[in-house]
Amino acid sequence: MLINRTGFGWIEIDNRRYNSDIIIYTDGEIEARYKDFKGDDHIISKWEAEKVIKQDKPVVFIVGTGQAGVVSIPAETKKFLSEQGIKLIAEPTPQAIQSFNNTKEKKCAIFHLTC
């Protein structure tokens, strides 16, 4: 899987364009972030982190925090991931796609595509 590029409101993965926030699970499945979503789209809650890692525990959890880095990750979520032994990488989405492409360990991701 290769994330080709991103812009405000979109991301391109293996030359396919997605126009809403996405989750990438460790098996490479891509899902709309807002399927069965609870909460605030500018916060990565503990509930959301649990949902993403439930399928298959990753070594690395990458969060694209938006084009301008607006999404926040509360201390509760960071603590949960740390207790699971999962490394968190959170950075603006353009940088996060590079981290995703360069990470060789088992990984999952959430990408916020706007702000």
Protein backbone atom coordinates (compact mmCIF):
# COMPACT_ATOMS: atom_id res chain seq x y z
CA MET A 1 0.00 0.00 0.00
CA LEU A 2 1.29 3.43 -0.94
CA ILE A 3 -0.27 6.72 0.04
CA ASN A 4 0.45 8.85 -3.00
CA ARG A 5 -0.58 12.32 -1.83
CA THR A 6 -3.10 14.42 0.03
CA GLY A 7 -4.75 17.81 -0.18
CA PHE A 8 -7.52 19.62 1.66
CA GLY A 9 -10.40 17.13 1.90
CA TRP A 10 -8.83 14.21 0.04
CA ILE A 11 -6.16 11.51 0.13
CA GLU A 12 -4.92 9.24 -2.66
CA ILE A 13 -3.92 5.66 -1.86
CA ASP A 14 -2.68 3.32 -4.58
CA ASN A 15 -4.01 5.87 -7.08
CA ARG A 16 -7.54 5.73 -5.60
CA ARG A 17 -8.96 8.95 -4.18
CA TYR A 18 -10.88 9.13 -0.87
CA ASN A 19 -12.84 12.26 0.00
CA SER A 20 -13.50 11.77 3.70
CA ASP A 21 -11.46 10.84 6.76
CA ILE A 22 -10.28 7.24 6.72
CA ILE A 23 -9.01 4.47 8.94
CA ILE A 24 -6.40 2.03 7.67
CA TYR A 25 -6.36 -1.21 9.65
CA THR A 26 -3.27 -3.39 10.06
CA ASP A 27 -4.47 -5.74 7.32
CA GLY A 28 -4.64 -2.85 4.84
CA GLU A 29 -8.43 -2.54 4.91
CA ILE A 30 -9.53 1.07 4.40
CA GLU A 31 -12.75 2.23 6.03
CA ALA A 32 -14.54 5.55 6.26
CA ARG A 33 -13.71 6.99 9.68
CA TYR A 34 -17.31 8.00 10.30
CA LYS A 35 -18.77 4.52 9.98
CA ASP A 36 -20.14 3.78 13.47
CA PHE A 37 -18.42 6.96 14.71
CA LYS A 38 -18.90 8.44 18.17
CA GLY A 39 -17.53 11.76 19.33
CA ASP A 40 -15.78 14.79 17.90
CA ASP A 41 -14.01 14.51 14.54
CA HIS A 42 -11.22 16.77 15.82
CA ILE A 43 -10.35 14.42 18.71
CA ILE A 44 -8.98 10.88 18.60
CA SER A 45 -10.77 9.39 21.60
CA LYS A 46 -9.78 6.30 23.55
CA TRP A 47 -12.95 4.66 22.19
CA GLU A 48 -11.81 5.32 18.62
CA ALA A 49 -8.29 4.04 19.29
CA GLU A 50 -9.75 0.86 20.81
CA LYS A 51 -11.92 0.37 17.72
CA VAL A 52 -8.97 0.73 15.36
CA ILE A 53 -6.65 -1.68 17.19
CA LYS A 54 -9.34 -4.23 18.12
CA GLN A 55 -9.03 -6.11 14.84
CA ASP A 56 -5.26 -6.73 15.02
CA LYS A 57 -2.91 -4.96 17.40
CA PRO A 58 -0.34 -2.79 15.60
CA VAL A 59 3.16 -1.81 16.65
CA VAL A 60 2.63 1.75 15.38
CA PHE A 61 -0.53 3.89 15.33
CA ILE A 62 -0.23 6.85 12.93
CA VAL A 63 -2.58 9.80 13.13
CA GLY A 64 -2.77 12.38 10.38
CA THR A 65 -4.00 15.37 12.37
CA GLY A 66 -5.30 17.31 9.36
CA GLN A 67 -3.72 19.59 6.80
CA ALA A 68 -3.05 22.20 9.51
CA GLY A 69 -2.71 19.75 12.42
CA VAL A 70 -5.95 20.65 14.23
CA VAL A 71 -6.89 17.16 15.52
CA SER A 72 -5.91 16.51 19.13
CA ILE A 73 -5.17 13.34 21.01
CA PRO A 74 -6.19 13.47 24.69
CA ALA A 75 -3.91 12.19 27.44
CA GLU A 76 -6.34 9.30 28.08
CA THR A 77 -5.87 8.06 24.50
CA LYS A 78 -2.09 8.44 24.65
CA LYS A 79 -1.98 6.55 27.96
CA PHE A 80 -4.15 3.74 26.56
CA LEU A 81 -1.90 3.29 23.51
CA SER A 82 1.22 3.38 25.67
CA GLU A 83 -0.21 0.74 28.01
CA GLN A 84 -0.85 -1.44 24.94
CA GLY A 85 2.80 -1.05 23.90
CA ILE A 86 1.81 0.85 20.76
CA LYS A 87 3.96 3.69 19.45
CA LEU A 88 1.95 6.79 18.51
CA ILE A 89 3.00 9.03 15.64
CA ALA A 90 0.77 12.11 15.34
CA GLU A 91 1.58 14.82 12.84
CA PRO A 92 -0.13 16.93 10.19
CA THR A 93 -1.54 14.70 7.46
CA PRO A 94 1.03 15.61 4.75
CA GLN A 95 3.87 14.52 7.07
CA ALA A 96 1.90 11.57 8.47
CA ILE A 97 1.52 10.02 5.02
CA GLN A 98 5.32 10.02 4.71
CA SER A 99 5.61 8.37 8.13
CA PHE A 100 3.03 5.79 7.07
CA ASN A 101 4.85 5.01 3.83
CA ASN A 102 8.21 4.74 5.62
CA THR A 103 7.06 2.64 8.61
CA LYS A 104 7.87 -1.03 8.12
CA GLU A 105 6.37 -2.32 11.40
CA LYS A 106 2.76 -3.50 11.62
CA LYS A 107 0.76 -0.27 11.54
CA CYS A 108 -2.67 1.26 11.45
CA ALA A 109 -3.73 4.84 10.86
CA ILE A 110 -6.42 7.49 11.03
CA PHE A 111 -6.18 10.34 8.56
CA HIS A 112 -8.13 13.57 9.06
CA LEU A 113 -8.26 15.26 5.66
CA THR A 114 -9.38 18.83 6.32
CA CYS A 115 -8.24 21.41 8.87
